[in-house]
Amino acid sequence: MNDDERAELRLRDAREAERQQARNKEMNELLRVAAAATIRERDQSLMLRGGEGRPAWSRELFEIRWRRALRMGGLPNDASVADVVEHFEALDGTHIYHVDALRRLRKRYLRGELKSALSDQESP
């Protein structure tokens, strides 16, 4: 291999290194933007939920899900919790809910302990 070939090889290696650096820089920028978006989404989610952990039941959401369960089951408005439970949609979207848990949630709703999603104040 002569000097011209070595020089050309070094030049190709230098160009490839520059292209790799440019790709790395682009990838790092994409990762930075994605991380920033993820952080923004998390912060917005926490603000809406009022903190970390799973979202809490709101008064309005409970009312919607309760009425939907009554309709789905063809149940009267005064149906028992045991009748409603198999049609009641949980926070995660499943229809798997325990009678005792739904009974406690309904009591909290009836006592006005569930916060309204429309305001930061407790429902009366």
PDB file of N, CA and C in Angstrom:
ATOM      1  N   MET A   1       0.856  -1.161   0.000  1.00  0.00           N
ATOM      2  CA  MET A   1       0.000   0.000   0.000  1.00  0.00           C
ATOM      3  C   MET A   1       0.908   1.232   0.000  1.00  0.00           C
ATOM      4  N   ASN A   2       0.693   2.114  -0.960  1.00  0.00           N
ATOM      5  CA  ASN A   2       1.540   3.301  -1.056  1.00  0.00           C
ATOM      6  C   ASN A   2       0.958   4.444  -0.236  1.00  0.00           C
ATOM      7  N   ASP A   3       1.665   5.560  -0.210  1.00  0.00           N
ATOM      8  CA  ASP A   3       1.262   6.722   0.597  1.00  0.00           C
ATOM      9  C   ASP A   3      -0.075   7.305   0.154  1.00  0.00           C
ATOM     10  N   ASP A   4      -0.326   7.319  -1.158  1.00  0.00           N
ATOM     11  CA  ASP A   4      -1.608   7.849  -1.652  1.00  0.00           C
ATOM     12  C   ASP A   4      -2.783   6.990  -1.172  1.00  0.00           C
ATOM     13  N   GLU A   5      -2.609   5.698  -1.196  1.00  0.00           N
ATOM     14  CA  GLU A   5      -3.669   4.803  -0.742  1.00  0.00           C
ATOM     15  C   GLU A   5      -3.912   4.955   0.759  1.00  0.00           C
ATOM     16  N   ARG A   6      -2.831   5.099   1.523  1.00  0.00           N
ATOM     17  CA  ARG A   6      -2.973   5.309   2.983  1.00  0.00           C
ATOM     18  C   ARG A   6      -3.695   6.627   3.268  1.00  0.00           C
ATOM     19  N   ALA A   7      -3.330   7.671   2.552  1.00  0.00           N
ATOM     20  CA  ALA A   7      -3.969   8.979   2.738  1.00  0.00           C
ATOM     21  C   ALA A   7      -5.459   8.898   2.403  1.00  0.00           C
ATOM     22  N   GLU A   8      -5.777   8.200   1.317  1.00  0.00           N
ATOM     23  CA  GLU A   8      -7.182   8.038   0.925  1.00  0.00           C
ATOM     24  C   GLU A   8      -7.938   7.230   1.973  1.00  0.00           C
ATOM     25  N   LEU A   9      -7.327   6.215   2.518  1.00  0.00           N
ATOM     26  CA  LEU A   9      -7.939   5.389   3.561  1.00  0.00           C
ATOM     27  C   LEU A   9      -8.191   6.217   4.824  1.00  0.00           C
ATOM     28  N   ARG A  10      -7.210   7.033   5.225  1.00  0.00           N
ATOM     29  CA  ARG A  10      -7.388   7.913   6.396  1.00  0.00           C
ATOM     30  C   ARG A  10      -8.514   8.916   6.147  1.00  0.00           C
ATOM     31  N   LEU A  11      -8.584   9.449   4.932  1.00  0.00           N
ATOM     32  CA  LEU A  11      -9.630  10.401   4.582  1.00  0.00           C
ATOM     33  C   LEU A  11     -11.005   9.741   4.654  1.00  0.00           C
ATOM     34  N   ARG A  12     -11.129   8.511   4.132  1.00  0.00           N
ATOM     35  CA  ARG A  12     -12.403   7.779   4.216  1.00  0.00           C
ATOM     36  C   ARG A  12     -12.778   7.492   5.661  1.00  0.00           C
ATOM     37  N   ASP A  13     -11.789   7.109   6.473  1.00  0.00           N
ATOM     38  CA  ASP A  13     -12.052   6.846   7.896  1.00  0.00           C
ATOM     39  C   ASP A  13     -12.509   8.118   8.607  1.00  0.00           C
ATOM     40  N   ALA A  14     -11.886   9.238   8.283  1.00  0.00           N
ATOM     41  CA  ALA A  14     -12.257  10.511   8.900  1.00  0.00           C
ATOM     42  C   ALA A  14     -13.680  10.897   8.503  1.00  0.00           C
ATOM     43  N   ARG A  15     -14.028  10.707   7.235  1.00  0.00           N
ATOM     44  CA  ARG A  15     -15.387  11.018   6.774  1.00  0.00           C
ATOM     45  C   ARG A  15     -16.415  10.114   7.454  1.00  0.00           C
ATOM     46  N   GLU A  16     -16.107   8.839   7.576  1.00  0.00           N
ATOM     47  CA  GLU A  16     -17.010   7.900   8.239  1.00  0.00           C
ATOM     48  C   GLU A  16     -17.180   8.272   9.709  1.00  0.00           C
ATOM     49  N   ALA A  17     -16.107   8.682  10.363  1.00  0.00           N
ATOM     50  CA  ALA A  17     -16.188   9.106  11.763  1.00  0.00           C
ATOM     51  C   ALA A  17     -17.070  10.348  11.889  1.00  0.00           C
ATOM     52  N   GLU A  18     -16.961  11.282  10.952  1.00  0.00           N
ATOM     53  CA  GLU A  18     -17.806  12.480  10.968  1.00  0.00           C
ATOM     54  C   GLU A  18     -19.277  12.109  10.786  1.00  0.00           C
ATOM     55  N   ARG A  19     -19.554  11.199   9.843  1.00  0.00           N
ATOM     56  CA  ARG A  19     -20.939  10.757   9.623  1.00  0.00           C
ATOM     57  C   ARG A  19     -21.487  10.072  10.879  1.00  0.00           C
ATOM     58  N   GLN A  20     -20.662   9.259  11.525  1.00  0.00           N
ATOM     59  CA  GLN A  20     -21.090   8.574  12.743  1.00  0.00           C
ATOM     60  C   GLN A  20     -21.372   9.580  13.856  1.00  0.00           C
ATOM     61  N   GLN A  21     -20.525  10.590  13.983  1.00  0.00           N
ATOM     62  CA  GLN A  21     -20.749  11.636  14.979  1.00  0.00           C
ATOM     63  C   GLN A  21     -22.052  12.375  14.704  1.00  0.00           C
ATOM     64  N   ALA A  22     -22.308  12.672  13.437  1.00  0.00           N
ATOM     65  CA  ALA A  22     -23.551  13.357  13.068  1.00  0.00           C
ATOM     66  C   ALA A  22     -24.759  12.482  13.409  1.00  0.00           C
ATOM     67  N   ARG A  23     -24.684  11.174  13.130  1.00  0.00           N
ATOM     68  CA  ARG A  23     -25.780  10.259  13.469  1.00  0.00           C
ATOM     69  C   ARG A  23     -25.976  10.192  14.979  1.00  0.00           C
ATOM     70  N   ASN A  24     -24.887  10.117  15.722  1.00  0.00           N
ATOM     71  CA  ASN A  24     -24.977  10.089  17.187  1.00  0.00           C
ATOM     72  C   ASN A  24     -25.598  11.365  17.727  1.00  0.00           C
ATOM     73  N   LYS A  25     -25.189  12.495  17.174  1.00  0.00           N
ATOM     74  CA  LYS A  25     -25.722  13.782  17.611  1.00  0.00           C
ATOM     75  C   LYS A  25     -27.222  13.851  17.326  1.00  0.00           C
ATOM     76  N   GLU A  26     -27.622  13.393  16.139  1.00  0.00           N
ATOM     77  CA  GLU A  26     -29.041  13.383  15.783  1.00  0.00           C
ATOM     78  C   GLU A  26     -29.830  12.464  16.710  1.00  0.00           C
ATOM     79  N   MET A  27     -29.281  11.284  16.992  1.00  0.00           N
ATOM     80  CA  MET A  27     -29.955  10.343  17.886  1.00  0.00           C
ATOM     81  C   MET A  27     -30.074  10.923  19.295  1.00  0.00           C
ATOM     82  N   ASN A  28     -29.019  11.550  19.792  1.00  0.00           N
ATOM     83  CA  ASN A  28     -29.070  12.175  21.116  1.00  0.00           C
ATOM     84  C   ASN A  28     -30.120  13.277  21.172  1.00  0.00           C
ATOM     85  N   GLU A  29     -30.241  14.038  20.102  1.00  0.00           N
ATOM     86  CA  GLU A  29     -31.251  15.101  20.060  1.00  0.00           C
ATOM     87  C   GLU A  29     -32.660  14.499  20.067  1.00  0.00           C
ATOM     88  N   LEU A  30     -32.856  13.432  19.303  1.00  0.00           N
ATOM     89  CA  LEU A  30     -34.156  12.765  19.306  1.00  0.00           C
ATOM     90  C   LEU A  30     -34.496  12.214  20.690  1.00  0.00           C
ATOM     91  N   LEU A  31     -33.516  11.617  21.339  1.00  0.00           N
ATOM     92  CA  LEU A  31     -33.736  11.087  22.689  1.00  0.00           C
ATOM     93  C   LEU A  31     -34.039  12.206  23.679  1.00  0.00           C
ATOM     94  N   ARG A  32     -33.336  13.336  23.546  1.00  0.00           N
ATOM     95  CA  ARG A  32     -33.576  14.479  24.429  1.00  0.00           C
ATOM     96  C   ARG A  32     -34.996  15.003  24.254  1.00  0.00           C
ATOM     97  N   VAL A  33     -35.443  15.137  23.006  1.00  0.00           N
ATOM     98  CA  VAL A  33     -36.797  15.621  22.729  1.00  0.00           C
ATOM     99  C   VAL A  33     -37.842  14.640  23.261  1.00  0.00           C
ATOM    100  N   ALA A  34     -37.609  13.349  23.035  1.00  0.00           N
ATOM    101  CA  ALA A  34     -38.548  12.332  23.523  1.00  0.00           C
ATOM    102  C   ALA A  34     -38.621  12.342  25.047  1.00  0.00           C
ATOM    103  N   ALA A  35     -37.476  12.480  25.703  1.00  0.00           N
ATOM    104  CA  ALA A  35     -37.456  12.517  27.170  1.00  0.00           C
ATOM    105  C   ALA A  35     -38.200  13.742  27.681  1.00  0.00           C
ATOM    106  N   ALA A  36     -37.991  14.887  27.030  1.00  0.00           N
ATOM    107  CA  ALA A  36     -38.680  16.111  27.446  1.00  0.00           C
ATOM    108  C   ALA A  36     -40.186  15.958  27.289  1.00  0.00           C
ATOM    109  N   ALA A  37     -40.623  15.346  26.176  1.00  0.00           N
ATOM    110  CA  ALA A  37     -42.054  15.133  25.958  1.00  0.00           C
ATOM    111  C   ALA A  37     -42.625  14.189  27.012  1.00  0.00           C
ATOM    112  N   THR A  38     -41.872  13.138  27.342  1.00  0.00           N
ATOM    113  CA  THR A  38     -42.318  12.190  28.356  1.00  0.00           C
ATOM    114  C   THR A  38     -42.453  12.865  29.713  1.00  0.00           C
ATOM    115  N   ILE A  39     -41.493  13.699  30.053  1.00  0.00           N
ATOM    116  CA  ILE A  39     -41.545  14.419  31.326  1.00  0.00           C
ATOM    117  C   ILE A  39     -42.737  15.366  31.351  1.00  0.00           C
ATOM    118  N   ARG A  40     -42.979  16.077  30.235  1.00  0.00           N
ATOM    119  CA  ARG A  40     -44.129  16.982  30.165  1.00  0.00           C
ATOM    120  C   ARG A  40     -45.431  16.214  30.337  1.00  0.00           C
ATOM    121  N   GLU A  41     -45.565  15.075  29.648  1.00  0.00           N
ATOM    122  CA  GLU A  41     -46.774  14.270  29.761  1.00  0.00           C
ATOM    123  C   GLU A  41     -46.962  13.769  31.187  1.00  0.00           C
ATOM    124  N   ARG A  42     -45.876  13.335  31.824  1.00  0.00           N
ATOM    125  CA  ARG A  42     -45.956  12.857  33.206  1.00  0.00           C
ATOM    126  C   ARG A  42     -46.386  13.977  34.133  1.00  0.00           C
ATOM    127  N   ASP A  43     -45.788  15.154  33.956  1.00  0.00           N
ATOM    128  CA  ASP A  43     -46.146  16.290  34.801  1.00  0.00           C
ATOM    129  C   ASP A  43     -47.606  16.682  34.617  1.00  0.00           C
ATOM    130  N   GLN A  44     -48.084  16.683  33.369  1.00  0.00           N
ATOM    131  CA  GLN A  44     -49.479  17.011  33.112  1.00  0.00           C
ATOM    132  C   GLN A  44     -50.393  15.971  33.731  1.00  0.00           C
ATOM    133  N   SER A  45     -50.005  14.711  33.618  1.00  0.00           N
ATOM    134  CA  SER A  45     -50.800  13.641  34.192  1.00  0.00           C
ATOM    135  C   SER A  45     -50.869  13.771  35.714  1.00  0.00           C
ATOM    136  N   LEU A  46     -49.724  14.087  36.334  1.00  0.00           N
ATOM    137  CA  LEU A  46     -49.703  14.251  37.791  1.00  0.00           C
ATOM    138  C   LEU A  46     -50.553  15.437  38.216  1.00  0.00           C
ATOM    139  N   MET A  47     -50.523  16.509  37.430  1.00  0.00           N
ATOM    140  CA  MET A  47     -51.340  17.670  37.768  1.00  0.00           C
ATOM    141  C   MET A  47     -52.817  17.313  37.696  1.00  0.00           C
ATOM    142  N   LEU A  48     -53.211  16.556  36.677  1.00  0.00           N
ATOM    143  CA  LEU A  48     -54.606  16.172  36.536  1.00  0.00           C
ATOM    144  C   LEU A  48     -55.038  15.220  37.635  1.00  0.00           C
ATOM    145  N   ARG A  49     -54.140  14.297  38.003  1.00  0.00           N
ATOM    146  CA  ARG A  49     -54.478  13.306  39.022  1.00  0.00           C
ATOM    147  C   ARG A  49     -54.331  13.848  40.429  1.00  0.00           C
ATOM    148  N   GLY A  50     -53.527  14.888  40.578  1.00  0.00           N
ATOM    149  CA  GLY A  50     -53.310  15.430  41.907  1.00  0.00           C
ATOM    150  C   GLY A  50     -52.169  14.763  42.647  1.00  0.00           C
ATOM    151  N   GLY A  51     -51.286  14.062  41.964  1.00  0.00           N
ATOM    152  CA  GLY A  51     -50.142  13.451  42.621  1.00  0.00           C
ATOM    153  C   GLY A  51     -49.752  12.149  41.962  1.00  0.00           C
ATOM    154  N   GLU A  52     -48.784  11.480  42.579  1.00  0.00           N
ATOM    155  CA  GLU A  52     -48.311  10.220  42.018  1.00  0.00           C
ATOM    156  C   GLU A  52     -49.259   9.099  42.399  1.00  0.00           C
ATOM    157  N   GLY A  53     -49.092   7.961  41.763  1.00  0.00           N
ATOM    158  CA  GLY A  53     -49.943   6.811  42.043  1.00  0.00           C
ATOM    159  C   GLY A  53     -51.068   6.717  41.037  1.00  0.00           C
ATOM    160  N   ARG A  54     -51.985   5.815  41.302  1.00  0.00           N
ATOM    161  CA  ARG A  54     -53.089   5.651  40.361  1.00  0.00           C
ATOM    162  C   ARG A  54     -54.042   6.829  40.481  1.00  0.00           C
ATOM    163  N   PRO A  55     -54.786   7.129  39.422  1.00  0.00           N
ATOM    164  CA  PRO A  55     -55.732   8.236  39.499  1.00  0.00           C
ATOM    165  C   PRO A  55     -56.857   7.898  40.477  1.00  0.00           C
ATOM    166  N   ALA A  56     -57.404   8.907  41.091  1.00  0.00           N
ATOM    167  CA  ALA A  56     -58.488   8.708  42.045  1.00  0.00           C
ATOM    168  C   ALA A  56     -59.827   8.744  41.326  1.00  0.00           C
ATOM    169  N   TRP A  57     -60.828   8.149  41.940  1.00  0.00           N
ATOM    170  CA  TRP A  57     -62.176   8.240  41.401  1.00  0.00           C
ATOM    171  C   TRP A  57     -62.680   9.654  41.590  1.00  0.00           C
ATOM    172  N   SER A  58     -63.277  10.216  40.578  1.00  0.00           N
ATOM    173  CA  SER A  58     -63.957  11.504  40.725  1.00  0.00           C
ATOM    174  C   SER A  58     -65.450  11.218  40.842  1.00  0.00           C
ATOM    175  N   ARG A  59     -66.150  12.179  41.371  1.00  0.00           N
ATOM    176  CA  ARG A  59     -67.596  12.054  41.522  1.00  0.00           C
ATOM    177  C   ARG A  59     -68.265  11.807  40.162  1.00  0.00           C
ATOM    178  N   GLU A  60     -67.843  12.590  39.168  1.00  0.00           N
ATOM    179  CA  GLU A  60     -68.457  12.483  37.841  1.00  0.00           C
ATOM    180  C   GLU A  60     -68.166  11.130  37.186  1.00  0.00           C
ATOM    181  N   LEU A  61     -66.928  10.663  37.306  1.00  0.00           N
ATOM    182  CA  LEU A  61     -66.565   9.389  36.704  1.00  0.00           C
ATOM    183  C   LEU A  61     -67.347   8.246  37.339  1.00  0.00           C
ATOM    184  N   PHE A  62     -67.500   8.293  38.653  1.00  0.00           N
ATOM    185  CA  PHE A  62     -68.273   7.245  39.318  1.00  0.00           C
ATOM    186  C   PHE A  62     -69.717   7.251  38.819  1.00  0.00           C
ATOM    187  N   GLU A  63     -70.312   8.450  38.721  1.00  0.00           N
ATOM    188  CA  GLU A  63     -71.699   8.553  38.251  1.00  0.00           C
ATOM    189  C   GLU A  63     -71.843   7.977  36.842  1.00  0.00           C
ATOM    190  N   ILE A  64     -70.906   8.312  35.957  1.00  0.00           N
ATOM    191  CA  ILE A  64     -70.953   7.813  34.581  1.00  0.00           C
ATOM    192  C   ILE A  64     -70.850   6.294  34.553  1.00  0.00           C
ATOM    193  N   ARG A  65     -69.884   5.769  35.279  1.00  0.00           N
ATOM    194  CA  ARG A  65     -69.671   4.313  35.264  1.00  0.00           C
ATOM    195  C   ARG A  65     -70.844   3.577  35.924  1.00  0.00           C
ATOM    196  N   TRP A  66     -71.416   4.151  36.981  1.00  0.00           N
ATOM    197  CA  TRP A  66     -72.538   3.514  37.670  1.00  0.00           C
ATOM    198  C   TRP A  66     -73.749   3.447  36.731  1.00  0.00           C
ATOM    199  N   ARG A  67     -74.073   4.588  36.080  1.00  0.00           N
ATOM    200  CA  ARG A  67     -75.209   4.617  35.155  1.00  0.00           C
ATOM    201  C   ARG A  67     -74.994   3.657  33.976  1.00  0.00           C
ATOM    202  N   ARG A  68     -73.762   3.623  33.470  1.00  0.00           N
ATOM    203  CA  ARG A  68     -73.447   2.722  32.355  1.00  0.00           C
ATOM    204  C   ARG A  68     -73.647   1.261  32.776  1.00  0.00           C
ATOM    205  N   ALA A  69     -73.227   0.918  33.990  1.00  0.00           N
ATOM    206  CA  ALA A  69     -73.402  -0.452  34.480  1.00  0.00           C
ATOM    207  C   ALA A  69     -74.886  -0.793  34.609  1.00  0.00           C
ATOM    208  N   LEU A  70     -75.690   0.154  35.068  1.00  0.00           N
ATOM    209  CA  LEU A  70     -77.133  -0.079  35.166  1.00  0.00           C
ATOM    210  C   LEU A  70     -77.726  -0.348  33.786  1.00  0.00           C
ATOM    211  N   ARG A  71     -77.323   0.479  32.801  1.00  0.00           N
ATOM    212  CA  ARG A  71     -77.833   0.306  31.426  1.00  0.00           C
ATOM    213  C   ARG A  71     -77.382  -1.028  30.835  1.00  0.00           C
ATOM    214  N   MET A  72     -76.103  -1.345  31.007  1.00  0.00           N
ATOM    215  CA  MET A  72     -75.558  -2.582  30.423  1.00  0.00           C
ATOM    216  C   MET A  72     -76.259  -3.814  30.995  1.00  0.00           C
ATOM    217  N   GLY A  73     -76.592  -3.753  32.271  1.00  0.00           N
ATOM    218  CA  GLY A  73     -77.235  -4.900  32.910  1.00  0.00           C
ATOM    219  C   GLY A  73     -78.746  -4.851  32.833  1.00  0.00           C
ATOM    220  N   GLY A  74     -79.307  -3.765  32.268  1.00  0.00           N
ATOM    221  CA  GLY A  74     -80.758  -3.621  32.226  1.00  0.00           C
ATOM    222  C   GLY A  74     -81.341  -3.568  33.621  1.00  0.00           C
ATOM    223  N   LEU A  75     -80.626  -2.899  34.534  1.00  0.00           N
ATOM    224  CA  LEU A  75     -81.001  -2.877  35.946  1.00  0.00           C
ATOM    225  C   LEU A  75     -81.749  -1.601  36.297  1.00  0.00           C
ATOM    226  N   PRO A  76     -82.623  -1.672  37.304  1.00  0.00           N
ATOM    227  CA  PRO A  76     -83.310  -0.458  37.752  1.00  0.00           C
ATOM    228  C   PRO A  76     -82.345   0.448  38.521  1.00  0.00           C
ATOM    229  N   ASN A  77     -82.716   1.705  38.689  1.00  0.00           N
ATOM    230  CA  ASN A  77     -81.854   2.664  39.388  1.00  0.00           C
ATOM    231  C   ASN A  77     -81.550   2.268  40.824  1.00  0.00           C
ATOM    232  N   ASP A  78     -82.448   1.517  41.457  1.00  0.00           N
ATOM    233  CA  ASP A  78     -82.217   1.112  42.851  1.00  0.00           C
ATOM    234  C   ASP A  78     -81.609  -0.288  42.957  1.00  0.00           C
ATOM    235  N   ALA A  79     -80.912  -0.730  41.916  1.00  0.00           N
ATOM    236  CA  ALA A  79     -80.289  -2.055  41.920  1.00  0.00           C
ATOM    237  C   ALA A  79     -79.239  -2.149  43.015  1.00  0.00           C
ATOM    238  N   SER A  80     -79.032  -3.355  43.500  1.00  0.00           N
ATOM    239  CA  SER A  80     -78.041  -3.558  44.559  1.00  0.00           C
ATOM    240  C   SER A  80     -76.633  -3.554  43.961  1.00  0.00           C
ATOM    241  N   VAL A  81     -75.668  -3.304  44.817  1.00  0.00           N
ATOM    242  CA  VAL A  81     -74.269  -3.306  44.402  1.00  0.00           C
ATOM    243  C   VAL A  81     -73.886  -4.681  43.849  1.00  0.00           C
ATOM    244  N   ALA A  82     -74.402  -5.723  44.460  1.00  0.00           N
ATOM    245  CA  ALA A  82     -74.100  -7.085  44.007  1.00  0.00           C
ATOM    246  C   ALA A  82     -74.583  -7.318  42.574  1.00  0.00           C
ATOM    247  N   ASP A  83     -75.690  -6.685  42.194  1.00  0.00           N
ATOM    248  CA  ASP A  83     -76.192  -6.818  40.824  1.00  0.00           C
ATOM    249  C   ASP A  83     -75.374  -5.980  39.845  1.00  0.00           C
ATOM    250  N   VAL A  84     -74.925  -4.819  40.282  1.00  0.00           N
ATOM    251  CA  VAL A  84     -74.224  -3.878  39.408  1.00  0.00           C
ATOM    252  C   VAL A  84     -72.782  -4.307  39.167  1.00  0.00           C
ATOM    253  N   VAL A  85     -72.164  -4.975  40.124  1.00  0.00           N
ATOM    254  CA  VAL A  85     -70.725  -5.222  40.105  1.00  0.00           C
ATOM    255  C   VAL A  85     -70.230  -5.914  38.832  1.00  0.00           C
ATOM    256  N   GLU A  86     -71.001  -6.832  38.279  1.00  0.00           N
ATOM    257  CA  GLU A  86     -70.502  -7.549  37.099  1.00  0.00           C
ATOM    258  C   GLU A  86     -70.491  -6.685  35.841  1.00  0.00           C
ATOM    259  N   HIS A  87     -71.180  -5.550  35.865  1.00  0.00           N
ATOM    260  CA  HIS A  87     -71.213  -4.646  34.715  1.00  0.00           C
ATOM    261  C   HIS A  87     -70.411  -3.372  34.951  1.00  0.00           C
ATOM    262  N   PHE A  88     -69.886  -3.219  36.160  1.00  0.00           N
ATOM    263  CA  PHE A  88     -69.193  -1.983  36.530  1.00  0.00           C
ATOM    264  C   PHE A  88     -67.767  -1.980  35.984  1.00  0.00           C
ATOM    265  N   GLU A  89     -67.406  -0.877  35.324  1.00  0.00           N
ATOM    266  CA  GLU A  89     -66.073  -0.747  34.729  1.00  0.00           C
ATOM    267  C   GLU A  89     -65.130  -0.069  35.720  1.00  0.00           C
ATOM    268  N   ALA A  90     -64.024  -0.738  36.027  1.00  0.00           N
ATOM    269  CA  ALA A  90     -63.035  -0.204  36.967  1.00  0.00           C
ATOM    270  C   ALA A  90     -62.203   0.884  36.300  1.00  0.00           C
ATOM    271  N   LEU A  91     -61.338   1.529  37.068  1.00  0.00           N
ATOM    272  CA  LEU A  91     -60.492   2.598  36.538  1.00  0.00           C
ATOM    273  C   LEU A  91     -59.595   2.123  35.405  1.00  0.00           C
ATOM    274  N   ASP A  92     -59.158   0.880  35.472  1.00  0.00           N
ATOM    275  CA  ASP A  92     -58.258   0.362  34.430  1.00  0.00           C
ATOM    276  C   ASP A  92     -59.006  -0.141  33.204  1.00  0.00           C
ATOM    277  N   GLY A  93     -60.331   0.021  33.187  1.00  0.00           N
ATOM    278  CA  GLY A  93     -61.110  -0.367  32.019  1.00  0.00           C
ATOM    279  C   GLY A  93     -61.625  -1.794  32.045  1.00  0.00           C
ATOM    280  N   THR A  94     -61.243  -2.569  33.040  1.00  0.00           N
ATOM    281  CA  THR A  94     -61.722  -3.950  33.135  1.00  0.00           C
ATOM    282  C   THR A  94     -63.093  -3.961  33.815  1.00  0.00           C
ATOM    283  N   HIS A  95     -63.770  -5.073  33.701  1.00  0.00           N
ATOM    284  CA  HIS A  95     -65.059  -5.239  34.382  1.00  0.00           C
ATOM    285  C   HIS A  95     -64.906  -6.182  35.563  1.00  0.00           C
ATOM    286  N   ILE A  96     -63.695  -6.256  36.070  1.00  0.00           N
ATOM    287  CA  ILE A  96     -63.421  -7.102  37.222  1.00  0.00           C
ATOM    288  C   ILE A  96     -63.375  -6.202  38.455  1.00  0.00           C
ATOM    289  N   TYR A  97     -64.382  -6.285  39.273  1.00  0.00           N
ATOM    290  CA  TYR A  97     -64.452  -5.449  40.460  1.00  0.00           C
ATOM    291  C   TYR A  97     -65.038  -6.304  41.568  1.00  0.00           C
ATOM    292  N   HIS A  98     -64.559  -6.132  42.773  1.00  0.00           N
ATOM    293  CA  HIS A  98     -65.046  -6.916  43.901  1.00  0.00           C
ATOM    294  C   HIS A  98     -66.235  -6.213  44.539  1.00  0.00           C
ATOM    295  N   VAL A  99     -67.209  -6.976  44.960  1.00  0.00           N
ATOM    296  CA  VAL A  99     -68.434  -6.419  45.534  1.00  0.00           C
ATOM    297  C   VAL A  99     -68.109  -5.510  46.715  1.00  0.00           C
ATOM    298  N   ASP A 100     -67.234  -5.962  47.612  1.00  0.00           N
ATOM    299  CA  ASP A 100     -66.918  -5.159  48.793  1.00  0.00           C
ATOM    300  C   ASP A 100     -66.244  -3.844  48.419  1.00  0.00           C
ATOM    301  N   ALA A 101     -65.348  -3.888  47.436  1.00  0.00           N
ATOM    302  CA  ALA A 101     -64.665  -2.661  47.006  1.00  0.00           C
ATOM    303  C   ALA A 101     -65.663  -1.687  46.379  1.00  0.00           C
ATOM    304  N   LEU A 102     -66.566  -2.194  45.561  1.00  0.00           N
ATOM    305  CA  LEU A 102     -67.576  -1.328  44.948  1.00  0.00           C
ATOM    306  C   LEU A 102     -68.538  -0.787  45.997  1.00  0.00           C
ATOM    307  N   ARG A 103     -68.864  -1.614  46.971  1.00  0.00           N
ATOM    308  CA  ARG A 103     -69.750  -1.167  48.051  1.00  0.00           C
ATOM    309  C   ARG A 103     -69.095  -0.007  48.824  1.00  0.00           C
ATOM    310  N   ARG A 104     -67.792  -0.126  49.136  1.00  0.00           N
ATOM    311  CA  ARG A 104     -67.077   0.956  49.832  1.00  0.00           C
ATOM    312  C   ARG A 104     -67.010   2.223  48.970  1.00  0.00           C
ATOM    313  N   LEU A 105     -66.744   2.034  47.673  1.00  0.00           N
ATOM    314  CA  LEU A 105     -66.673   3.179  46.768  1.00  0.00           C
ATOM    315  C   LEU A 105     -68.031   3.878  46.681  1.00  0.00           C
ATOM    316  N   ARG A 106     -69.103   3.103  46.581  1.00  0.00           N
ATOM    317  CA  ARG A 106     -70.451   3.694  46.511  1.00  0.00           C
ATOM    318  C   ARG A 106     -70.772   4.442  47.796  1.00  0.00           C
ATOM    319  N   LYS A 107     -70.375   3.914  48.946  1.00  0.00           N
ATOM    320  CA  LYS A 107     -70.610   4.619  50.215  1.00  0.00           C
ATOM    321  C   LYS A 107     -69.862   5.951  50.233  1.00  0.00           C
ATOM    322  N   ARG A 108     -68.625   5.942  49.758  1.00  0.00           N
ATOM    323  CA  ARG A 108     -67.861   7.198  49.683  1.00  0.00           C
ATOM    324  C   ARG A 108     -68.564   8.195  48.774  1.00  0.00           C
ATOM    325  N   TYR A 109     -69.091   7.705  47.654  1.00  0.00           N
ATOM    326  CA  TYR A 109     -69.825   8.564  46.727  1.00  0.00           C
ATOM    327  C   TYR A 109     -71.069   9.145  47.397  1.00  0.00           C
ATOM    328  N   LEU A 110     -71.841   8.297  48.045  1.00  0.00           N
ATOM    329  CA  LEU A 110     -73.082   8.742  48.681  1.00  0.00           C
ATOM    330  C   LEU A 110     -72.823   9.712  49.837  1.00  0.00           C
ATOM    331  N   ARG A 111     -71.702   9.552  50.525  1.00  0.00           N
ATOM    332  CA  ARG A 111     -71.344  10.475  51.616  1.00  0.00           C
ATOM    333  C   ARG A 111     -70.709  11.764  51.101  1.00  0.00           C
ATOM    334  N   GLY A 112     -70.476  11.850  49.779  1.00  0.00           N
ATOM    335  CA  GLY A 112     -69.888  13.056  49.199  1.00  0.00           C
ATOM    336  C   GLY A 112     -68.389  13.148  49.387  1.00  0.00           C
ATOM    337  N   GLU A 113     -67.720  12.010  49.561  1.00  0.00           N
ATOM    338  CA  GLU A 113     -66.282  12.016  49.805  1.00  0.00           C
ATOM    339  C   GLU A 113     -65.440  12.004  48.532  1.00  0.00           C
ATOM    340  N   LEU A 114     -66.062  11.773  47.389  1.00  0.00           N
ATOM    341  CA  LEU A 114     -65.306  11.776  46.132  1.00  0.00           C
ATOM    342  C   LEU A 114     -65.193  13.211  45.632  1.00  0.00           C
ATOM    343  N   LYS A 115     -63.986  13.596  45.239  1.00  0.00           N
ATOM    344  CA  LYS A 115     -63.769  14.947  44.726  1.00  0.00           C
ATOM    345  C   LYS A 115     -64.363  15.075  43.338  1.00  0.00           C
ATOM    346  N   SER A 116     -64.761  16.284  43.026  1.00  0.00           N
ATOM    347  CA  SER A 116     -65.242  16.574  41.686  1.00  0.00           C
ATOM    348  C   SER A 116     -64.051  16.735  40.756  1.00  0.00           C
ATOM    349  N   ALA A 117     -64.153  16.242  39.548  1.00  0.00           N
ATOM    350  CA  ALA A 117     -63.084  16.418  38.558  1.00  0.00           C
ATOM    351  C   ALA A 117     -63.104  17.830  37.998  1.00  0.00           C
ATOM    352  N   LEU A 118     -64.192  18.546  38.223  1.00  0.00           N
ATOM    353  CA  LEU A 118     -64.359  19.885  37.668  1.00  0.00           C
ATOM    354  C   LEU A 118     -63.762  20.977  38.552  1.00  0.00           C
ATOM    355  N   SER A 119     -63.472  20.652  39.799  1.00  0.00           N
ATOM    356  CA  SER A 119     -62.887  21.639  40.700  1.00  0.00           C
ATOM    357  C   SER A 119     -62.008  20.947  41.710  1.00  0.00           C
ATOM    358  N   ASP A 120     -61.238  21.727  42.433  1.00  0.00           N
ATOM    359  CA  ASP A 120     -60.362  21.178  43.465  1.00  0.00           C
ATOM    360  C   ASP A 120     -61.080  21.018  44.796  1.00  0.00           C
ATOM    361  N   GLN A 121     -62.352  21.418  44.852  1.00  0.00           N
ATOM    362  CA  GLN A 121     -63.083  21.366  46.101  1.00  0.00           C
ATOM    363  C   GLN A 121     -63.742  20.019  46.263  1.00  0.00           C
ATOM    364  N   GLU A 122     -63.945  19.639  47.504  1.00  0.00           N
ATOM    365  CA  GLU A 122     -64.666  18.406  47.805  1.00  0.00           C
ATOM    366  C   GLU A 122     -66.126  18.611  47.429  1.00  0.00           C
ATOM    367  N   SER A 123     -66.770  17.580  46.937  1.00  0.00           N
ATOM    368  CA  SER A 123     -68.205  17.657  46.628  1.00  0.00           C
ATOM    369  C   SER A 123     -68.971  17.646  47.922  1.00  0.00           C
ATOM    370  N   PRO A 124     -70.089  18.381  47.989  1.00  0.00           N
ATOM    371  CA  PRO A 124     -70.883  18.402  49.225  1.00  0.00           C
ATOM    372  C   PRO A 124     -71.598  17.107  49.466  1.00  0.00           C
TER     373      PRO A 124
END
